[in-house]
């Protein structure tokens, strides 16, 4: 959209325990380098069992340095996203 990448990431916790401090990081697809700045609609979220959420991330195309942006998911007690 006009020089801005808009990414929507849908997260769901399929486990029986809460997923705590789940965070998204915008990265460049090939190198894995962080894309800064990145604007998130939410971040560092807690998901209860069975809960899901959609998070919108915006990054400038120029900040991607010719690569496509991607989202890396991590958290305190989670290994990734489903």
Protein backbone atom coordinates (compact mmCIF):
# COMPACT_ATOMS: atom_id res chain seq x y z
CA UNK A 1 0.00 0.00 0.00
CA UNK A 2 1.87 3.09 -1.19
CA UNK A 3 5.32 2.10 0.00
CA UNK A 4 4.04 0.47 3.21
CA UNK A 5 3.87 -3.27 3.89
CA UNK A 6 0.87 -4.26 6.00
CA UNK A 7 1.11 -7.73 7.53
CA UNK A 8 -1.63 -9.44 9.52
CA UNK A 9 -0.54 -12.25 11.80
CA UNK A 10 -3.12 -14.58 13.31
CA UNK A 11 -2.05 -16.28 16.52
CA UNK A 12 -3.85 -19.13 18.30
CA UNK A 13 -2.94 -20.95 21.49
CA UNK A 14 -3.79 -24.64 21.02
CA UNK A 15 -2.16 -25.64 24.33
CA UNK A 16 -3.76 -26.28 27.73
CA UNK A 17 -1.66 -23.57 29.43
CA UNK A 18 -1.60 -19.81 28.79
CA UNK A 19 0.96 -18.56 26.26
CA UNK A 20 2.68 -15.70 28.07
CA UNK A 21 4.37 -12.63 26.57
CA UNK A 22 4.00 -13.76 22.97
CA UNK A 23 5.80 -11.20 20.84
CA UNK A 24 6.12 -10.45 17.16
CA UNK A 25 9.24 -9.15 15.46
CA UNK A 26 9.27 -7.79 11.91
CA UNK A 27 12.31 -9.14 10.04
CA UNK A 28 13.68 -9.20 6.51
CA UNK A 29 12.71 -12.52 4.90
CA UNK A 30 16.14 -13.62 3.63
CA UNK A 31 18.60 -12.16 6.14
CA UNK A 32 16.41 -12.32 9.25
CA UNK A 33 17.53 -8.81 10.21
CA UNK A 34 14.98 -6.76 12.16
CA UNK A 35 12.97 -4.17 10.26
CA UNK A 36 12.89 -0.91 12.20
CA UNK A 37 10.74 0.94 12.79
CA UNK A 38 7.74 -1.39 12.83
CA UNK A 39 4.30 -0.44 14.14
CA UNK A 40 2.27 -3.21 15.78
CA UNK A 41 -1.43 -3.02 16.68
CA UNK A 42 -0.51 -5.10 19.76
CA UNK A 43 2.51 -7.00 21.03
CA UNK A 44 3.68 -8.96 24.08
CA UNK A 45 0.26 -10.57 24.39
CA UNK A 46 -0.98 -13.37 26.61
CA UNK A 47 -3.23 -15.99 25.02
CA UNK A 48 -5.37 -18.25 27.15
CA UNK A 49 -5.96 -21.86 26.00
CA UNK A 50 -7.95 -21.85 22.74
CA UNK A 51 -7.76 -18.06 22.42
CA UNK A 52 -6.74 -16.38 19.18
CA UNK A 53 -5.87 -12.85 18.10
CA UNK A 54 -4.93 -11.01 14.91
CA UNK A 55 -2.10 -8.47 15.04
CA UNK A 56 -1.46 -5.91 12.31
CA UNK A 57 2.12 -4.81 11.59
CA UNK A 58 3.15 -1.92 9.34
CA UNK A 59 6.67 -1.40 7.97
CA UNK A 60 7.97 0.97 5.34
CA UNK A 61 9.08 -0.68 2.10
CA UNK A 62 12.32 1.35 2.16
CA UNK A 63 13.19 -0.09 5.60
CA UNK A 64 13.02 -3.62 4.15
CA UNK A 65 16.04 -2.86 1.94
CA UNK A 66 14.78 -4.77 -1.08
CA UNK A 67 13.56 -7.83 0.86
CA UNK A 68 10.08 -8.95 1.71
CA UNK A 69 9.14 -8.52 5.36
CA UNK A 70 8.30 -11.52 7.52
CA UNK A 71 7.12 -11.97 11.10
CA UNK A 72 9.04 -13.93 13.73
CA UNK A 73 6.98 -15.16 16.72
CA UNK A 74 8.40 -15.95 20.14
CA UNK A 75 7.35 -15.92 23.74
CA UNK A 76 8.17 -16.73 27.33
CA UNK A 77 6.72 -20.23 27.25
CA UNK A 78 5.83 -20.74 23.59
CA UNK A 79 7.88 -22.09 20.73
CA UNK A 80 6.07 -20.30 17.93
CA UNK A 81 2.70 -19.78 16.34
CA UNK A 82 0.20 -22.16 14.87
